[in-house]
N, C-alpha and C. Protein backbone atom coordinates (compact mmCIF):
# COMPACT_ATOMS: atom_id res chain seq x y z
N MET A 1 -50.37 6.94 2.78
CA MET A 1 -49.00 7.39 2.94
C MET A 1 -48.60 8.15 1.68
N THR A 2 -47.95 9.28 1.86
CA THR A 2 -47.54 10.11 0.74
C THR A 2 -46.30 9.53 0.06
N GLU A 3 -45.97 10.07 -1.12
CA GLU A 3 -44.79 9.60 -1.84
C GLU A 3 -43.51 9.93 -1.06
N GLN A 4 -43.51 11.10 -0.41
CA GLN A 4 -42.35 11.47 0.39
C GLN A 4 -42.17 10.50 1.56
N GLY A 5 -43.27 10.11 2.18
CA GLY A 5 -43.18 9.15 3.27
C GLY A 5 -42.69 7.80 2.80
N GLN A 6 -43.12 7.38 1.62
CA GLN A 6 -42.66 6.11 1.06
C GLN A 6 -41.17 6.15 0.77
N ARG A 7 -40.70 7.29 0.24
CA ARG A 7 -39.27 7.42 -0.04
C ARG A 7 -38.45 7.39 1.25
N MET A 8 -38.95 8.07 2.27
CA MET A 8 -38.24 8.07 3.56
C MET A 8 -38.23 6.67 4.17
N LEU A 9 -39.34 5.96 4.03
CA LEU A 9 -39.43 4.60 4.56
C LEU A 9 -38.44 3.68 3.85
N LYS A 10 -38.39 3.76 2.53
CA LYS A 10 -37.47 2.92 1.76
C LYS A 10 -36.02 3.26 2.11
N HIS A 11 -35.72 4.53 2.24
CA HIS A 11 -34.36 4.96 2.59
C HIS A 11 -33.97 4.45 3.97
N THR A 12 -34.90 4.53 4.91
CA THR A 12 -34.62 4.08 6.27
C THR A 12 -34.37 2.58 6.32
N VAL A 13 -35.16 1.81 5.58
CA VAL A 13 -35.02 0.35 5.59
C VAL A 13 -33.72 -0.07 4.93
N ARG A 14 -33.38 0.57 3.83
CA ARG A 14 -32.14 0.21 3.14
C ARG A 14 -30.91 0.57 3.96
N ARG A 15 -31.00 1.64 4.74
CA ARG A 15 -29.86 2.07 5.54
C ARG A 15 -29.63 1.14 6.72
N SER A 16 -30.69 0.68 7.35
CA SER A 16 -30.54 -0.21 8.51
C SER A 16 -31.59 -1.31 8.43
N ARG A 17 -31.20 -2.46 7.92
CA ARG A 17 -32.14 -3.56 7.68
C ARG A 17 -32.51 -4.33 8.94
N GLN A 18 -31.84 -4.10 10.05
CA GLN A 18 -32.09 -4.87 11.26
C GLN A 18 -33.23 -4.31 12.11
N LEU A 19 -33.76 -3.15 11.75
CA LEU A 19 -34.81 -2.53 12.55
C LEU A 19 -36.15 -3.23 12.34
N SER A 20 -36.96 -3.24 13.39
CA SER A 20 -38.31 -3.80 13.28
C SER A 20 -39.25 -2.72 12.74
N ALA A 21 -40.46 -3.14 12.36
CA ALA A 21 -41.43 -2.20 11.82
C ALA A 21 -41.83 -1.16 12.86
N GLU A 22 -41.92 -1.57 14.11
CA GLU A 22 -42.29 -0.63 15.17
C GLU A 22 -41.21 0.43 15.38
N SER A 23 -39.95 0.01 15.37
CA SER A 23 -38.87 0.98 15.57
C SER A 23 -38.74 1.90 14.36
N ILE A 24 -39.04 1.41 13.16
CA ILE A 24 -39.02 2.27 11.98
C ILE A 24 -40.12 3.31 12.09
N ALA A 25 -41.31 2.90 12.53
CA ALA A 25 -42.41 3.84 12.70
C ALA A 25 -42.06 4.92 13.71
N LYS A 26 -41.45 4.53 14.83
CA LYS A 26 -41.05 5.52 15.84
C LYS A 26 -40.00 6.47 15.30
N TYR A 27 -39.05 5.94 14.52
CA TYR A 27 -38.00 6.77 13.94
C TYR A 27 -38.60 7.79 12.98
N LEU A 28 -39.51 7.36 12.11
CA LEU A 28 -40.12 8.27 11.15
C LEU A 28 -40.99 9.31 11.85
N GLN A 29 -41.62 8.94 12.95
CA GLN A 29 -42.44 9.91 13.69
C GLN A 29 -41.57 10.98 14.34
N THR A 30 -40.44 10.57 14.91
CA THR A 30 -39.60 11.54 15.62
C THR A 30 -38.77 12.39 14.68
N SER A 31 -38.18 11.78 13.66
CA SER A 31 -37.26 12.53 12.80
C SER A 31 -37.97 13.29 11.69
N CYS A 32 -38.98 12.69 11.08
CA CYS A 32 -39.63 13.30 9.93
C CYS A 32 -40.99 13.92 10.25
N GLY A 33 -41.54 13.58 11.38
CA GLY A 33 -42.84 14.11 11.74
C GLY A 33 -44.00 13.41 11.04
N LEU A 34 -43.76 12.24 10.49
CA LEU A 34 -44.81 11.49 9.81
C LEU A 34 -45.65 10.73 10.83
N LYS A 35 -46.96 10.75 10.68
CA LYS A 35 -47.87 10.03 11.57
C LYS A 35 -48.16 8.66 10.95
N ILE A 36 -47.46 7.65 11.44
CA ILE A 36 -47.60 6.30 10.89
C ILE A 36 -47.86 5.35 12.04
N SER A 37 -48.77 4.41 11.85
CA SER A 37 -49.01 3.42 12.90
C SER A 37 -48.79 2.02 12.34
N THR A 38 -49.83 1.41 11.81
CA THR A 38 -49.71 0.04 11.31
C THR A 38 -49.44 -0.02 9.82
N THR A 39 -49.36 1.14 9.16
CA THR A 39 -49.15 1.12 7.71
C THR A 39 -47.72 0.79 7.33
N VAL A 40 -46.80 0.81 8.28
CA VAL A 40 -45.39 0.57 7.95
C VAL A 40 -45.21 -0.84 7.40
N ARG A 41 -45.72 -1.84 8.10
CA ARG A 41 -45.55 -3.21 7.65
C ARG A 41 -46.23 -3.43 6.29
N ARG A 42 -47.40 -2.86 6.12
CA ARG A 42 -48.13 -3.00 4.86
C ARG A 42 -47.36 -2.36 3.70
N GLU A 43 -46.82 -1.17 3.93
CA GLU A 43 -46.05 -0.48 2.90
C GLU A 43 -44.75 -1.23 2.59
N LEU A 44 -44.12 -1.78 3.60
CA LEU A 44 -42.89 -2.54 3.37
C LEU A 44 -43.17 -3.77 2.51
N HIS A 45 -44.30 -4.43 2.73
CA HIS A 45 -44.66 -5.58 1.91
C HIS A 45 -44.93 -5.15 0.48
N ARG A 46 -45.57 -4.00 0.29
CA ARG A 46 -45.82 -3.51 -1.07
C ARG A 46 -44.53 -3.17 -1.80
N MET A 47 -43.54 -2.68 -1.05
CA MET A 47 -42.25 -2.32 -1.65
C MET A 47 -41.37 -3.54 -1.91
N GLY A 48 -41.75 -4.69 -1.36
CA GLY A 48 -40.97 -5.90 -1.60
C GLY A 48 -40.06 -6.29 -0.46
N PHE A 49 -40.17 -5.61 0.67
CA PHE A 49 -39.37 -5.96 1.84
C PHE A 49 -40.18 -6.91 2.72
N HIS A 50 -39.62 -8.06 3.02
CA HIS A 50 -40.29 -9.05 3.87
C HIS A 50 -39.32 -9.46 4.97
N GLY A 51 -39.85 -9.71 6.16
CA GLY A 51 -39.02 -10.08 7.30
C GLY A 51 -38.66 -11.54 7.27
N ARG A 52 -37.57 -11.86 6.63
CA ARG A 52 -37.12 -13.24 6.56
C ARG A 52 -35.66 -13.32 6.96
N ALA A 53 -35.33 -14.36 7.64
CA ALA A 53 -33.94 -14.59 8.02
C ALA A 53 -33.27 -15.45 6.95
N ALA A 54 -32.03 -15.15 6.66
CA ALA A 54 -31.29 -15.93 5.69
C ALA A 54 -31.00 -17.32 6.26
N PRO A 55 -31.06 -18.35 5.42
CA PRO A 55 -30.77 -19.70 5.93
C PRO A 55 -29.30 -19.82 6.30
N SER A 56 -29.06 -20.50 7.39
CA SER A 56 -27.67 -20.68 7.82
C SER A 56 -27.06 -21.84 7.05
N LYS A 57 -25.86 -21.62 6.58
CA LYS A 57 -25.16 -22.63 5.81
C LYS A 57 -23.88 -23.00 6.55
N PRO A 58 -23.53 -24.26 6.56
CA PRO A 58 -22.29 -24.65 7.24
C PRO A 58 -21.07 -24.16 6.47
N TYR A 59 -20.07 -23.76 7.20
CA TYR A 59 -18.82 -23.34 6.60
C TYR A 59 -18.02 -24.57 6.22
N ILE A 60 -17.71 -24.71 4.95
CA ILE A 60 -16.99 -25.88 4.47
C ILE A 60 -15.61 -25.45 3.99
N THR A 61 -14.59 -25.96 4.65
CA THR A 61 -13.22 -25.69 4.23
C THR A 61 -12.81 -26.72 3.18
N LYS A 62 -11.67 -26.51 2.58
CA LYS A 62 -11.18 -27.47 1.59
C LYS A 62 -10.94 -28.83 2.23
N CYS A 63 -10.44 -28.81 3.46
CA CYS A 63 -10.18 -30.06 4.19
C CYS A 63 -11.49 -30.80 4.46
N ASN A 64 -12.52 -30.08 4.89
CA ASN A 64 -13.80 -30.71 5.17
C ASN A 64 -14.48 -31.22 3.90
N ALA A 65 -14.22 -30.58 2.77
CA ALA A 65 -14.80 -31.04 1.51
C ALA A 65 -14.14 -32.32 1.02
N LYS A 66 -12.87 -32.54 1.35
CA LYS A 66 -12.14 -33.73 0.90
C LYS A 66 -12.49 -34.97 1.73
N ARG A 67 -12.88 -34.79 2.98
CA ARG A 67 -13.12 -35.92 3.87
C ARG A 67 -14.18 -36.91 3.37
N PRO A 68 -15.33 -36.49 2.90
CA PRO A 68 -16.31 -37.47 2.42
C PRO A 68 -15.79 -38.29 1.24
N MET A 69 -15.06 -37.65 0.34
CA MET A 69 -14.51 -38.39 -0.80
C MET A 69 -13.45 -39.39 -0.35
N GLN A 70 -12.64 -39.01 0.62
CA GLN A 70 -11.64 -39.94 1.14
C GLN A 70 -12.32 -41.13 1.81
N TRP A 71 -13.39 -40.88 2.56
CA TRP A 71 -14.11 -41.96 3.21
C TRP A 71 -14.73 -42.90 2.17
N CYS A 72 -15.31 -42.34 1.12
CA CYS A 72 -15.91 -43.17 0.07
C CYS A 72 -14.85 -44.04 -0.62
N LYS A 73 -13.72 -43.45 -0.88
CA LYS A 73 -12.66 -44.22 -1.54
C LYS A 73 -12.12 -45.31 -0.64
N SER A 74 -12.03 -45.05 0.66
CA SER A 74 -11.53 -46.09 1.56
C SER A 74 -12.55 -47.21 1.77
N CYS A 75 -13.82 -46.93 1.64
CA CYS A 75 -14.88 -47.93 1.87
C CYS A 75 -15.38 -48.54 0.56
N HIS A 76 -14.75 -48.23 -0.53
CA HIS A 76 -15.19 -48.70 -1.85
C HIS A 76 -15.22 -50.22 -1.93
N TYR A 77 -14.28 -50.89 -1.30
CA TYR A 77 -14.15 -52.33 -1.41
C TYR A 77 -14.91 -53.11 -0.35
N TRP A 78 -15.67 -52.44 0.49
CA TRP A 78 -16.45 -53.14 1.52
C TRP A 78 -17.53 -53.97 0.86
N THR A 79 -17.83 -55.09 1.46
CA THR A 79 -18.91 -55.94 0.96
C THR A 79 -20.02 -56.00 1.99
N LEU A 80 -21.20 -56.39 1.54
CA LEU A 80 -22.31 -56.53 2.46
C LEU A 80 -22.11 -57.74 3.32
């Protein structure tokens, strides 16, 4: 892959991160005229782009954050 192709690939990925490697290859073939097949995924890995989903985190409001502490304080005097 040429340097121009690598720059176009990086620009395309940064512009739209939701695309798959296959759709990126099709886009580069149609718009730029680059002949790319399986090298897209390999080049993306070399550039530091990896297909990972961000971990989902629960949304914690101030009210939800206070509840465990309130429960602990109310149960402080319980005995076995």
